C-alpha cells in the first residue's frame, strides 16, 4: 500500500513566518543602517559642540557616541551586541544630561568659547539675582557681598548676557582672575587669613591710583553715597571691629557724595589686604 506524503498546511507556514526574530539577528542584518543613523547623530552633536552654548557635557556625549559608532561599524557578533547595549546607555545618559543642564550655560568664557574658570578667560556669565538688574549690585551679590556696604573697584563692566533677561556677564579692563567670582568675597582659598577677591574692591596706592586690595596699597574706600554719615561707624560696620591705631579714617566729598576711606597713618606703611570683615584677624599692614 502506498502512503501519500502530506504537505504542511498553510497554517503551519504562517506560524513559521510569524516566528519572532531575535534582536541580535536584527542587529546582525541591519548594522549598516544603524551605523549610518549613529553617524548622523554624531555629526549633529559635533555641530552643536561648536556653538557658543556648548557645555562640557556636550563634548563628553560626542566622545561617547564616537566610541559607539566605531564599535557598531566593526560588524562582528559580539561588538554588535555591545554596541546596542552601550548605545542604550549613552541615550539614557544623554537624557539625564539634558534634564540636569540649564537651558543657557553660566560659567567662564574666552570670547564666546566656554572655558574652565581656572584657565585664562575674558568674562564670566552668572544668573541674575532676583530683584536687581545686571549692574554693580548684581555682581556684588554674586561675589557674596552686601548691597549698600561693599563697593566695586573701577574698570568693571556688568551687562545682560546676549539680551537674556536672567543672565549677566562681567568683564574687567585689566583682565579676569583664573577663578570663578562666585562667593569669592566669602572664602580664603590662598589661606593668608583674609578674604579673597581684593582685585574687585576699591583700593588705592600712595599716588591715589586704583590698586588691588590684595597687593600693597595705601588706602581703601568703604563708603560712597549721597548720605551724611559717621565714617568711623561705617568703618566698624565694614570691618567688624573698631578703628585700629595704625590707620585713620578719612571723610571727604566727591560729586555730591560722602566718601569714607581707611588710610595708613605712616606714609611708608602699606596695607596688604582689604579691611572688610577683619573681625578678630590682625590688621593686614606692612610697616616701614
C-alpha atoms as a PDB file:
ATOM      1  CA  UNK A   1       0.000   0.000   0.000  1.00  0.00           C
ATOM      2  CA  UNK A   2       1.302   3.461  -0.868  1.00  0.00           C
ATOM      3  CA  UNK A   3       1.220   6.274   1.620  1.00  0.00           C
ATOM      4  CA  UNK A   4       0.701   9.741   0.403  1.00  0.00           C
ATOM      5  CA  UNK A   5       3.032  12.327   1.906  1.00  0.00           C
ATOM      6  CA  UNK A   6       1.050  15.218   3.261  1.00  0.00           C
ATOM      7  CA  UNK A   7       2.292  18.695   2.652  1.00  0.00           C
ATOM      8  CA  UNK A   8       2.353  21.093   5.556  1.00  0.00           C
ATOM      9  CA  UNK A   9      -0.729  23.189   5.766  1.00  0.00           C
ATOM     10  CA  UNK A  10      -0.691  26.928   5.125  1.00  0.00           C
ATOM     11  CA  UNK A  11      -1.384  27.455   8.798  1.00  0.00           C
ATOM     12  CA  UNK A  12       1.936  25.858   9.694  1.00  0.00           C
ATOM     13  CA  UNK A  13       3.756  28.033   7.137  1.00  0.00           C
ATOM     14  CA  UNK A  14       2.155  31.146   8.566  1.00  0.00           C
ATOM     15  CA  UNK A  15       3.179  30.171  12.078  1.00  0.00           C
ATOM     16  CA  UNK A  16       6.768  29.808  10.914  1.00  0.00           C
ATOM     17  CA  UNK A  17       6.592  33.164   9.162  1.00  0.00           C
ATOM     18  CA  UNK A  18       5.288  34.788  12.332  1.00  0.00           C
ATOM     19  CA  UNK A  19       8.084  33.412  14.479  1.00  0.00           C
ATOM     20  CA  UNK A  20       9.794  36.474  16.009  1.00  0.00           C
ATOM     21  CA  UNK A  21      13.343  37.202  15.103  1.00  0.00           C
ATOM     22  CA  UNK A  22      15.769  37.908  17.959  1.00  0.00           C
ATOM     23  CA  UNK A  23      17.260  41.401  18.417  1.00  0.00           C
ATOM     24  CA  UNK A  24      20.724  40.041  17.907  1.00  0.00           C
ATOM     25  CA  UNK A  25      19.738  38.696  14.494  1.00  0.00           C
ATOM     26  CA  UNK A  26      18.189  42.037  13.563  1.00  0.00           C
ATOM     27  CA  UNK A  27      21.332  43.892  14.573  1.00  0.00           C
ATOM     28  CA  UNK A  28      23.454  41.478  12.574  1.00  0.00           C
ATOM     29  CA  UNK A  29      21.419  42.091   9.436  1.00  0.00           C
ATOM     30  CA  UNK A  30      20.962  45.836   9.890  1.00  0.00           C
ATOM     31  CA  UNK A  31      24.222  47.030  11.409  1.00  0.00           C
ATOM     32  CA  UNK A  32      24.962  49.256   8.408  1.00  0.00           C
ATOM     33  CA  UNK A  33      21.749  51.363   8.739  1.00  0.00           C
ATOM     34  CA  UNK A  34      22.320  51.554  12.495  1.00  0.00           C
ATOM     35  CA  UNK A  35      25.845  52.832  11.901  1.00  0.00           C
ATOM     36  CA  UNK A  36      24.507  55.410   9.458  1.00  0.00           C
ATOM     37  CA  UNK A  37      21.982  56.700  12.000  1.00  0.00           C
ATOM     38  CA  UNK A  38      24.629  56.937  14.716  1.00  0.00           C
ATOM     39  CA  UNK A  39      26.910  58.821  12.316  1.00  0.00           C
ATOM     40  CA  UNK A  40      24.167  61.372  11.615  1.00  0.00           C
ATOM     41  CA  UNK A  41      23.576  61.827  15.351  1.00  0.00           C
ATOM     42  CA  UNK A  42      27.315  62.244  15.903  1.00  0.00           C
ATOM     43  CA  UNK A  43      27.531  64.862  13.130  1.00  0.00           C
ATOM     44  CA  UNK A  44      24.646  66.817  14.660  1.00  0.00           C
ATOM     45  CA  UNK A  45      26.174  66.760  18.152  1.00  0.00           C
ATOM     46  CA  UNK A  46      29.587  67.723  16.768  1.00  0.00           C
ATOM     47  CA  UNK A  47      27.952  70.762  15.153  1.00  0.00           C
ATOM     48  CA  UNK A  48      26.219  71.647  18.433  1.00  0.00           C
ATOM     49  CA  UNK A  49      29.545  71.377  20.275  1.00  0.00           C
ATOM     50  CA  UNK A  50      30.918  74.235  18.130  1.00  0.00           C
ATOM     51  CA  UNK A  51      28.163  76.625  19.171  1.00  0.00           C
ATOM     52  CA  UNK A  52      28.690  79.180  21.999  1.00  0.00           C
ATOM     53  CA  UNK A  53      26.173  77.422  24.248  1.00  0.00           C
ATOM     54  CA  UNK A  54      28.010  74.103  24.180  1.00  0.00           C
ATOM     55  CA  UNK A  55      28.884  72.645  27.574  1.00  0.00           C
ATOM     56  CA  UNK A  56      31.406  70.121  28.808  1.00  0.00           C
ATOM     57  CA  UNK A  57      28.564  67.579  28.944  1.00  0.00           C
ATOM     58  CA  UNK A  58      28.044  68.053  25.190  1.00  0.00           C
ATOM     59  CA  UNK A  59      31.725  67.358  24.498  1.00  0.00           C
ATOM     60  CA  UNK A  60      31.581  64.246  26.686  1.00  0.00           C
ATOM     61  CA  UNK A  61      28.499  62.920  24.870  1.00  0.00           C
ATOM     62  CA  UNK A  62      30.144  63.427  21.470  1.00  0.00           C
ATOM     63  CA  UNK A  63      33.188  61.447  22.622  1.00  0.00           C
ATOM     64  CA  UNK A  64      30.942  58.617  23.878  1.00  0.00           C
ATOM     65  CA  UNK A  65      28.968  58.426  20.648  1.00  0.00           C
ATOM     66  CA  UNK A  66      32.188  58.375  18.638  1.00  0.00           C
ATOM     67  CA  UNK A  67      33.083  55.254  20.557  1.00  0.00           C
ATOM     68  CA  UNK A  68      29.637  53.747  19.918  1.00  0.00           C
ATOM     69  CA  UNK A  69      29.853  54.411  16.148  1.00  0.00           C
ATOM     70  CA  UNK A  70      33.292  52.820  15.924  1.00  0.00           C
ATOM     71  CA  UNK A  71      32.146  49.750  17.859  1.00  0.00           C
ATOM     72  CA  UNK A  72      28.993  49.239  15.770  1.00  0.00           C
ATOM     73  CA  UNK A  73      30.784  49.542  12.419  1.00  0.00           C
ATOM     74  CA  UNK A  74      33.010  46.523  13.160  1.00  0.00           C
ATOM     75  CA  UNK A  75      30.178  44.137  12.150  1.00  0.00           C
ATOM     76  CA  UNK A  76      31.134  41.307  14.471  1.00  0.00           C
ATOM     77  CA  UNK A  77      28.533  39.451  16.520  1.00  0.00           C
ATOM     78  CA  UNK A  78      29.936  40.382  19.932  1.00  0.00           C
ATOM     79  CA  UNK A  79      30.610  44.032  19.067  1.00  0.00           C
ATOM     80  CA  UNK A  80      27.114  44.413  17.618  1.00  0.00           C
ATOM     81  CA  UNK A  81      25.605  43.229  20.863  1.00  0.00           C
ATOM     82  CA  UNK A  82      27.890  45.514  22.900  1.00  0.00           C
ATOM     83  CA  UNK A  83      27.120  48.480  20.656  1.00  0.00           C
ATOM     84  CA  UNK A  84      23.377  48.049  21.124  1.00  0.00           C
ATOM     85  CA  UNK A  85      23.818  47.911  24.893  1.00  0.00           C
ATOM     86  CA  UNK A  86      26.196  50.872  25.004  1.00  0.00           C
ATOM     87  CA  UNK A  87      24.000  52.951  22.682  1.00  0.00           C
ATOM     88  CA  UNK A  88      21.047  52.470  25.017  1.00  0.00           C
ATOM     89  CA  UNK A  89      23.243  53.508  27.964  1.00  0.00           C
ATOM     90  CA  UNK A  90      24.513  56.583  26.099  1.00  0.00           C
ATOM     91  CA  UNK A  91      20.945  57.569  25.219  1.00  0.00           C
ATOM     92  CA  UNK A  92      19.897  57.346  28.862  1.00  0.00           C
ATOM     93  CA  UNK A  93      22.911  59.421  29.928  1.00  0.00           C
ATOM     94  CA  UNK A  94      22.133  61.994  27.235  1.00  0.00           C
ATOM     95  CA  UNK A  95      18.577  62.353  28.514  1.00  0.00           C
ATOM     96  CA  UNK A  96      19.848  62.728  32.080  1.00  0.00           C
ATOM     97  CA  UNK A  97      22.356  65.364  30.967  1.00  0.00           C
ATOM     98  CA  UNK A  98      19.661  67.294  29.112  1.00  0.00           C
ATOM     99  CA  UNK A  99      17.441  67.306  32.181  1.00  0.00           C
ATOM    100  CA  UNK A 100      20.263  68.289  34.568  1.00  0.00           C
ATOM    101  CA  UNK A 101      21.883  71.014  32.419  1.00  0.00           C
ATOM    102  CA  UNK A 102      20.489  74.550  32.410  1.00  0.00           C
ATOM    103  CA  UNK A 103      18.934  75.785  29.179  1.00  0.00           C
ATOM    104  CA  UNK A 104      21.591  78.504  28.923  1.00  0.00           C
ATOM    105  CA  UNK A 105      25.010  77.867  30.445  1.00  0.00           C
ATOM    106  CA  UNK A 106      26.656  80.019  33.069  1.00  0.00           C
ATOM    107  CA  UNK A 107      30.359  79.993  33.772  1.00  0.00           C
ATOM    108  CA  UNK A 108      33.541  81.425  32.286  1.00  0.00           C
ATOM    109  CA  UNK A 109      34.226  82.206  28.627  1.00  0.00           C
ATOM    110  CA  UNK A 110      37.156  83.122  26.440  1.00  0.00           C
ATOM    111  CA  UNK A 111      35.297  85.308  23.938  1.00  0.00           C
ATOM    112  CA  UNK A 112      32.378  83.010  23.010  1.00  0.00           C
ATOM    113  CA  UNK A 113      34.014  79.706  23.954  1.00  0.00           C
ATOM    114  CA  UNK A 114      33.130  78.054  27.306  1.00  0.00           C
ATOM    115  CA  UNK A 115      36.310  77.806  29.376  1.00  0.00           C
ATOM    116  CA  UNK A 116      37.126  76.403  32.839  1.00  0.00           C
ATOM    117  CA  UNK A 117      37.275  79.294  35.313  1.00  0.00           C
ATOM    118  CA  UNK A 118      40.673  78.025  36.452  1.00  0.00           C
ATOM    119  CA  UNK A 119      42.062  78.829  32.996  1.00  0.00           C
ATOM    120  CA  UNK A 120      42.584  82.255  31.406  1.00  0.00           C
ATOM    121  CA  UNK A 121      39.250  83.745  30.344  1.00  0.00           C
ATOM    122  CA  UNK A 122      37.852  87.124  29.390  1.00  0.00           C
ATOM    123  CA  UNK A 123      34.438  87.110  31.076  1.00  0.00           C
ATOM    124  CA  UNK A 124      32.067  85.246  33.367  1.00  0.00           C
ATOM    125  CA  UNK A 125      28.331  84.662  32.952  1.00  0.00           C
ATOM    126  CA  UNK A 126      26.135  84.312  36.044  1.00  0.00           C
ATOM    127  CA  UNK A 127      22.443  84.115  36.892  1.00  0.00           C
ATOM    128  CA  UNK A 128      20.902  87.466  37.751  1.00  0.00           C
ATOM    129  CA  UNK A 129      19.849  87.647  41.400  1.00  0.00           C
ATOM    130  CA  UNK A 130      16.151  88.269  41.983  1.00  0.00           C
ATOM    131  CA  UNK A 131      15.006  91.842  42.382  1.00  0.00           C
ATOM    132  CA  UNK A 132      18.009  93.551  40.747  1.00  0.00           C
ATOM    133  CA  UNK A 133      19.236  94.381  37.279  1.00  0.00           C
ATOM    134  CA  UNK A 134      22.523  93.358  35.674  1.00  0.00           C
ATOM    135  CA  UNK A 135      24.598  96.070  37.304  1.00  0.00           C
ATOM    136  CA  UNK A 136      27.151  96.536  40.086  1.00  0.00           C
ATOM    137  CA  UNK A 137      24.651  95.352  42.694  1.00  0.00           C
ATOM    138  CA  UNK A 138      24.106  92.026  40.932  1.00  0.00           C
ATOM    139  CA  UNK A 139      27.865  91.373  40.822  1.00  0.00           C
ATOM    140  CA  UNK A 140      28.299  92.353  44.477  1.00  0.00           C
ATOM    141  CA  UNK A 141      25.614  89.829  45.454  1.00  0.00           C
ATOM    142  CA  UNK A 142      27.128  87.163  43.163  1.00  0.00           C
ATOM    143  CA  UNK A 143      30.526  87.574  44.838  1.00  0.00           C
ATOM    144  CA  UNK A 144      28.968  87.156  48.273  1.00  0.00           C
ATOM    145  CA  UNK A 145      28.903  90.832  49.208  1.00  0.00           C
ATOM    146  CA  UNK A 146      26.226  93.013  50.756  1.00  0.00           C
ATOM    147  CA  UNK A 147      24.477  95.660  48.665  1.00  0.00           C
ATOM    148  CA  UNK A 148      24.927  99.104  50.198  1.00  0.00           C
ATOM    149  CA  UNK A 149      28.042  98.022  52.132  1.00  0.00           C
ATOM    150  CA  UNK A 150      30.523  96.523  49.668  1.00  0.00           C
ATOM    151  CA  UNK A 151      31.925  98.634  46.835  1.00  0.00           C
ATOM    152  CA  UNK A 152      33.348  97.577  43.470  1.00  0.00           C
ATOM    153  CA  UNK A 153      36.625  98.790  42.051  1.00  0.00           C
ATOM    154  CA  UNK A 154      36.990 100.586  38.727  1.00  0.00           C
ATOM    155  CA  UNK A 155      37.197  99.091  35.234  1.00  0.00           C
ATOM    156  CA  UNK A 156      34.447  96.502  35.808  1.00  0.00           C
ATOM    157  CA  UNK A 157      31.592  96.177  33.328  1.00  0.00           C
ATOM    158  CA  UNK A 158      28.389  94.255  34.125  1.00  0.00           C
ATOM    159  CA  UNK A 159      25.647  93.899  31.500  1.00  0.00           C
ATOM    160  CA  UNK A 160      22.969  91.476  30.343  1.00  0.00           C
ATOM    161  CA  UNK A 161      24.318  88.411  28.538  1.00  0.00           C
ATOM    162  CA  UNK A 162      23.210  88.414  24.883  1.00  0.00           C
ATOM    163  CA  UNK A 163      19.898  90.105  25.723  1.00  0.00           C
ATOM    164  CA  UNK A 164      18.954  87.310  28.145  1.00  0.00           C
ATOM    165  CA  UNK A 165      16.650  88.535  30.886  1.00  0.00           C
ATOM    166  CA  UNK A 166      18.039  86.272  33.614  1.00  0.00           C
ATOM    167  CA  UNK A 167      21.778  86.190  32.839  1.00  0.00           C
ATOM    168  CA  UNK A 168      24.517  88.749  33.442  1.00  0.00           C
ATOM    169  CA  UNK A 169      28.077  88.899  32.144  1.00  0.00           C
ATOM    170  CA  UNK A 170      31.040  90.590  33.823  1.00  0.00           C
ATOM    171  CA  UNK A 171      34.256  91.747  32.189  1.00  0.00           C
ATOM    172  CA  UNK A 172      37.182  93.708  33.590  1.00  0.00           C
ATOM    173  CA  UNK A 173      39.523  96.059  31.762  1.00  0.00           C
ATOM    174  CA  UNK A 174      42.632  94.647  33.447  1.00  0.00           C
ATOM    175  CA  UNK A 175      41.529  91.036  32.897  1.00  0.00           C
ATOM    176  CA  UNK A 176      39.740  88.363  34.891  1.00  0.00           C
ATOM    177  CA  UNK A 177      41.386  86.201  37.585  1.00  0.00           C
ATOM    178  CA  UNK A 178      41.764  82.471  36.929  1.00  0.00           C
ATOM    179  CA  UNK A 179      38.971  81.614  39.335  1.00  0.00           C
ATOM    180  CA  UNK A 180      35.192  81.925  39.449  1.00  0.00           C
ATOM    181  CA  UNK A 181      33.829  85.050  41.120  1.00  0.00           C
ATOM    182  CA  UNK A 182      31.012  83.067  42.751  1.00  0.00           C
ATOM    183  CA  UNK A 183      31.120  83.908  46.505  1.00  0.00           C
ATOM    184  CA  UNK A 184      34.780  84.908  46.161  1.00  0.00           C
ATOM    185  CA  UNK A 185      34.401  87.559  48.888  1.00  0.00           C
ATOM    186  CA  UNK A 186      33.456  84.883  51.422  1.00  0.00           C
ATOM    187  CA  UNK A 187      36.423  82.489  51.076  1.00  0.00           C
ATOM    188  CA  UNK A 188      40.143  82.401  51.826  1.00  0.00           C
ATOM    189  CA  UNK A 189      41.443  79.965  49.225  1.00  0.00           C
ATOM    190  CA  UNK A 190      45.014  81.229  49.435  1.00  0.00           C
ATOM    191  CA  UNK A 191      44.972  80.699  53.228  1.00  0.00           C
ATOM    192  CA  UNK A 192      46.554  84.043  54.070  1.00  0.00           C
ATOM    193  CA  UNK A 193      43.986  84.792  56.767  1.00  0.00           C
ATOM    194  CA  UNK A 194      41.973  87.300  54.704  1.00  0.00           C
ATOM    195  CA  UNK A 195      39.073  87.017  52.269  1.00  0.00           C
ATOM    196  CA  UNK A 196      39.818  86.688  48.534  1.00  0.00           C
ATOM    197  CA  UNK A 197      38.633  88.941  45.710  1.00  0.00           C
ATOM    198  CA  UNK A 198      40.603  92.063  46.610  1.00  0.00           C
ATOM    199  CA  UNK A 199      41.099  92.735  42.897  1.00  0.00           C
ATOM    200  CA  UNK A 200      37.444  93.779  42.741  1.00  0.00           C
ATOM    201  CA  UNK A 201      37.434  96.113  45.772  1.00  0.00           C
ATOM    202  CA  UNK A 202      38.180  99.834  45.818  1.00  0.00           C
ATOM    203  CA  UNK A 203      41.766 100.344  46.995  1.00  0.00           C
ATOM    204  CA  UNK A 204      44.365 102.989  46.043  1.00  0.00           C
ATOM    205  CA  UNK A 205      48.130 103.385  46.071  1.00  0.00           C
ATOM    206  CA  UNK A 206      50.001 106.333  47.637  1.00  0.00           C
ATOM    207  CA  UNK A 207      49.507 108.383  44.449  1.00  0.00           C
ATOM    208  CA  UNK A 208      45.732 107.867  44.597  1.00  0.00           C
ATOM    209  CA  UNK A 209      45.635 105.479  41.630  1.00  0.00           C
ATOM    210  CA  UNK A 210      43.372 102.384  41.722  1.00  0.00           C
ATOM    211  CA  UNK A 211      45.138  99.299  43.074  1.00  0.00           C
ATOM    212  CA  UNK A 212      44.259  95.746  44.020  1.00  0.00           C
ATOM    213  CA  UNK A 213      43.426  95.301  47.694  1.00  0.00           C
ATOM    214  CA  UNK A 214      45.361  92.005  47.509  1.00  0.00           C
ATOM    215  CA  UNK A 215      48.623  93.867  46.875  1.00  0.00           C
ATOM    216  CA  UNK A 216      50.356  96.690  48.745  1.00  0.00           C
ATOM    217  CA  UNK A 217      48.159  99.802  48.897  1.00  0.00           C
ATOM    218  CA  UNK A 218      47.777 102.930  50.980  1.00  0.00           C
ATOM    219  CA  UNK A 219      44.006 103.219  51.421  1.00  0.00           C
ATOM    220  CA  UNK A 220      40.641 101.544  50.891  1.00  0.00           C
ATOM    221  CA  UNK A 221      37.356 103.267  50.134  1.00  0.00           C
ATOM    222  CA  UNK A 222      34.482 101.661  52.011  1.00  0.00           C
ATOM    223  CA  UNK A 223      31.638 104.161  51.623  1.00  0.00           C
ATOM    224  CA  UNK A 224      30.496 106.427  48.790  1.00  0.00           C
ATOM    225  CA  UNK A 225      26.921 107.731  48.792  1.00  0.00           C
ATOM    226  CA  UNK A 226      24.949 110.997  48.977  1.00  0.00           C
ATOM    227  CA  UNK A 227      24.317 110.495  52.682  1.00  0.00           C
ATOM    228  CA  UNK A 228      25.803 112.323  55.656  1.00  0.00           C
ATOM    229  CA  UNK A 229      27.296 109.562  57.795  1.00  0.00           C
ATOM    230  CA  UNK A 230      29.788 108.952  60.581  1.00  0.00           C
ATOM    231  CA  UNK A 231      32.704 107.334  58.726  1.00  0.00           C
ATOM    232  CA  UNK A 232      34.046 105.851  61.965  1.00  0.00           C
ATOM    233  CA  UNK A 233      30.841 103.905  62.499  1.00  0.00           C
ATOM    234  CA  UNK A 234      30.754 102.917  58.834  1.00  0.00           C
ATOM    235  CA  UNK A 235      34.276 101.517  59.223  1.00  0.00           C
ATOM    236  CA  UNK A 236      33.155  99.393  62.164  1.00  0.00           C
ATOM    237  CA  UNK A 237      30.250  98.088  60.077  1.00  0.00           C
ATOM    238  CA  UNK A 238      32.580  97.367  57.159  1.00  0.00           C
ATOM    239  CA  UNK A 239      35.460  95.757  59.068  1.00  0.00           C
ATOM    240  CA  UNK A 240      33.619  94.283  62.054  1.00  0.00           C
ATOM    241  CA  UNK A 241      35.971  95.952  64.542  1.00  0.00           C
ATOM    242  CA  UNK A 242      36.931  99.408  65.955  1.00  0.00           C
ATOM    243  CA  UNK A 243      39.410 101.603  64.108  1.00  0.00           C
ATOM    244  CA  UNK A 244      42.987 100.370  64.633  1.00  0.00           C
ATOM    245  CA  UNK A 245      45.665 102.782  65.846  1.00  0.00           C
ATOM    246  CA  UNK A 246      47.823 102.096  62.760  1.00  0.00           C
ATOM    247  CA  UNK A 247      45.213 103.529  60.393  1.00  0.00           C
ATOM    248  CA  UNK A 248      42.971 106.553  60.241  1.00  0.00           C
ATOM    249  CA  UNK A 249      39.505 107.008  58.781  1.00  0.00           C
ATOM    250  CA  UNK A 250      39.103 109.999  56.479  1.00  0.00           C
ATOM    251  CA  UNK A 251      35.970 111.683  55.167  1.00  0.00           C
ATOM    252  CA  UNK A 252      35.684 113.760  52.016  1.00  0.00           C
ATOM    253  CA  UNK A 253      33.146 114.658  49.350  1.00  0.00           C
ATOM    254  CA  UNK A 254      33.102 113.891  45.647  1.00  0.00           C
ATOM    255  CA  UNK A 255      30.350 114.686  43.168  1.00  0.00           C
ATOM    256  CA  UNK A 256      27.881 115.334  45.957  1.00  0.00           C
ATOM    257  CA  UNK A 257      28.693 112.032  47.695  1.00  0.00           C
ATOM    258  CA  UNK A 258      30.291 111.440  51.087  1.00  0.00           C
ATOM    259  CA  UNK A 259      33.430 109.308  50.682  1.00  0.00           C
ATOM    260  CA  UNK A 260      34.936 107.328  53.577  1.00  0.00           C
ATOM    261  CA  UNK A 261      38.396 105.740  53.423  1.00  0.00           C
ATOM    262  CA  UNK A 262      40.683 103.763  55.692  1.00  0.00           C
ATOM    263  CA  UNK A 263      44.267 105.012  55.289  1.00  0.00           C
ATOM    264  CA  UNK A 264      47.642 104.138  56.763  1.00  0.00           C
ATOM    265  CA  UNK A 265      48.859 106.576  59.425  1.00  0.00           C
ATOM    266  CA  UNK A 266      52.515 106.470  58.334  1.00  0.00           C
ATOM    267  CA  UNK A 267      53.384 107.223  54.713  1.00  0.00           C
ATOM    268  CA  UNK A 268      55.842 104.317  54.484  1.00  0.00           C
ATOM    269  CA  UNK A 269      53.306 101.745  55.742  1.00  0.00           C
ATOM    270  CA  UNK A 270      51.254  99.608  53.357  1.00  0.00           C
ATOM    271  CA  UNK A 271      48.042  97.687  53.713  1.00  0.00           C
ATOM    272  CA  UNK A 272      48.278  94.204  52.169  1.00  0.00           C
ATOM    273  CA  UNK A 273      44.622  93.087  52.126  1.00  0.00           C
ATOM    274  CA  UNK A 274      41.125  94.523  52.386  1.00  0.00           C
ATOM    275  CA  UNK A 275      39.901  95.561  55.829  1.00  0.00           C
ATOM    276  CA  UNK A 276      36.474  94.066  55.051  1.00  0.00           C
ATOM    277  CA  UNK A 277      35.269  91.608  57.720  1.00  0.00           C
ATOM    278  CA  UNK A 278      38.556  91.608  59.623  1.00  0.00           C
ATOM    279  CA  UNK A 279      36.824  90.978  62.958  1.00  0.00           C
ATOM    280  CA  UNK A 280      39.463  89.223  65.114  1.00  0.00           C
ATOM    281  CA  UNK A 281      42.139  88.900  62.408  1.00  0.00           C
ATOM    282  CA  UNK A 282      45.267  91.008  62.656  1.00  0.00           C
ATOM    283  CA  UNK A 283      45.366  94.252  60.693  1.00  0.00           C
ATOM    284  CA  UNK A 284      46.864  93.486  57.241  1.00  0.00           C
ATOM    285  CA  UNK A 285      49.598  96.083  57.378  1.00  0.00           C
ATOM    286  CA  UNK A 286      53.252  96.141  56.370  1.00  0.00           C
ATOM    287  CA  UNK A 287      55.133  98.755  58.371  1.00  0.00           C
ATOM    288  CA  UNK A 288      58.245 100.608  57.343  1.00  0.00           C
END
